[in-house]
Amino acid sequence: MNDNLNIKIRTAKDILFKNETDSTLTLTLFYGGPNKTITFDKKTGNIAAIKSN
């Protein structure tokens, strides 16, 4: 992932599958602090949305 987005999968303590549609896949990354919910566009593989929890 782009380091500028402050999302590092390698430092996540856990990853939870949250939702899937025909066009998107949503995962929540747990860091032990503010967590991130990331929605990916399945066609392009790009990040469609990021939400801090």
C-alpha atoms as a PDB file:
ATOM      1  CA  MET A   1       0.000   0.000   0.000  1.00  0.00           C
ATOM      2  CA  ASN A   2       1.007   3.575  -0.471  1.00  0.00           C
ATOM      3  CA  ASP A   3       2.934   4.598   2.661  1.00  0.00           C
ATOM      4  CA  ASN A   4       1.499   8.118   2.399  1.00  0.00           C
ATOM      5  CA  LEU A   5      -1.961   6.808   3.319  1.00  0.00           C
ATOM      6  CA  ASN A   6      -0.810   5.825   6.829  1.00  0.00           C
ATOM      7  CA  ILE A   7      -2.199   2.321   6.281  1.00  0.00           C
ATOM      8  CA  LYS A   8       0.206  -0.488   6.907  1.00  0.00           C
ATOM      9  CA  ILE A   9      -1.180  -3.999   6.619  1.00  0.00           C
ATOM     10  CA  ARG A  10       2.061  -5.442   7.993  1.00  0.00           C
ATOM     11  CA  THR A  11       1.556  -3.604  11.322  1.00  0.00           C
ATOM     12  CA  ALA A  12      -2.134  -4.503  11.731  1.00  0.00           C
ATOM     13  CA  LYS A  13      -2.827  -6.722  14.733  1.00  0.00           C
ATOM     14  CA  ASP A  14      -5.870  -8.274  13.037  1.00  0.00           C
ATOM     15  CA  ILE A  15      -7.838  -7.981   9.801  1.00  0.00           C
ATOM     16  CA  LEU A  16     -11.593  -8.521   9.687  1.00  0.00           C
ATOM     17  CA  PHE A  17     -13.563  -9.219   6.508  1.00  0.00           C
ATOM     18  CA  LYS A  18     -16.472  -6.798   6.718  1.00  0.00           C
ATOM     19  CA  ASN A  19     -18.448  -6.798   3.473  1.00  0.00           C
ATOM     20  CA  GLU A  20     -18.377  -7.754  -0.198  1.00  0.00           C
ATOM     21  CA  THR A  21     -20.501  -6.648  -3.137  1.00  0.00           C
ATOM     22  CA  ASP A  22     -20.182  -7.310  -6.852  1.00  0.00           C
ATOM     23  CA  SER A  23     -17.866  -4.322  -7.190  1.00  0.00           C
ATOM     24  CA  THR A  24     -16.237  -3.798  -3.758  1.00  0.00           C
ATOM     25  CA  LEU A  25     -14.494  -5.605  -0.909  1.00  0.00           C
ATOM     26  CA  THR A  26     -14.351  -4.035   2.569  1.00  0.00           C
ATOM     27  CA  LEU A  27     -11.838  -4.946   5.283  1.00  0.00           C
ATOM     28  CA  THR A  28     -11.230  -3.514   8.758  1.00  0.00           C
ATOM     29  CA  LEU A  29      -7.617  -3.346   9.951  1.00  0.00           C
ATOM     30  CA  PHE A  30      -7.127  -3.334  13.751  1.00  0.00           C
ATOM     31  CA  TYR A  31      -4.050  -1.555  15.092  1.00  0.00           C
ATOM     32  CA  GLY A  32      -4.854  -1.376  18.817  1.00  0.00           C
ATOM     33  CA  GLY A  33      -5.671   2.314  18.396  1.00  0.00           C
ATOM     34  CA  PRO A  34      -7.610   4.014  15.650  1.00  0.00           C
ATOM     35  CA  ASN A  35      -8.671   1.263  13.258  1.00  0.00           C
ATOM     36  CA  LYS A  36      -9.159   1.691   9.506  1.00  0.00           C
ATOM     37  CA  THR A  37     -11.989   0.355   7.344  1.00  0.00           C
ATOM     38  CA  ILE A  38     -10.853   0.144   3.734  1.00  0.00           C
ATOM     39  CA  THR A  39     -13.064  -0.432   0.715  1.00  0.00           C
ATOM     40  CA  PHE A  40     -11.380  -1.714  -2.434  1.00  0.00           C
ATOM     41  CA  ASP A  41     -12.708  -1.517  -5.983  1.00  0.00           C
ATOM     42  CA  LYS A  42     -12.594  -5.123  -7.220  1.00  0.00           C
ATOM     43  CA  LYS A  43     -12.210  -4.181 -10.897  1.00  0.00           C
ATOM     44  CA  THR A  44      -9.186  -1.912 -10.471  1.00  0.00           C
ATOM     45  CA  GLY A  45      -7.776  -3.090  -7.131  1.00  0.00           C
ATOM     46  CA  ASN A  46      -7.587   0.542  -6.020  1.00  0.00           C
ATOM     47  CA  ILE A  47      -8.801   1.878  -2.703  1.00  0.00           C
ATOM     48  CA  ALA A  48     -12.279   3.365  -3.101  1.00  0.00           C
ATOM     49  CA  ALA A  49     -12.709   4.639   0.492  1.00  0.00           C
ATOM     50  CA  ILE A  50     -10.929   4.769   3.835  1.00  0.00           C
ATOM     51  CA  LYS A  51     -12.695   5.356   7.136  1.00  0.00           C
ATOM     52  CA  SER A  52     -11.023   5.707  10.540  1.00  0.00           C
ATOM     53  CA  ASN A  53     -12.883   4.027  13.386  1.00  0.00           C
END
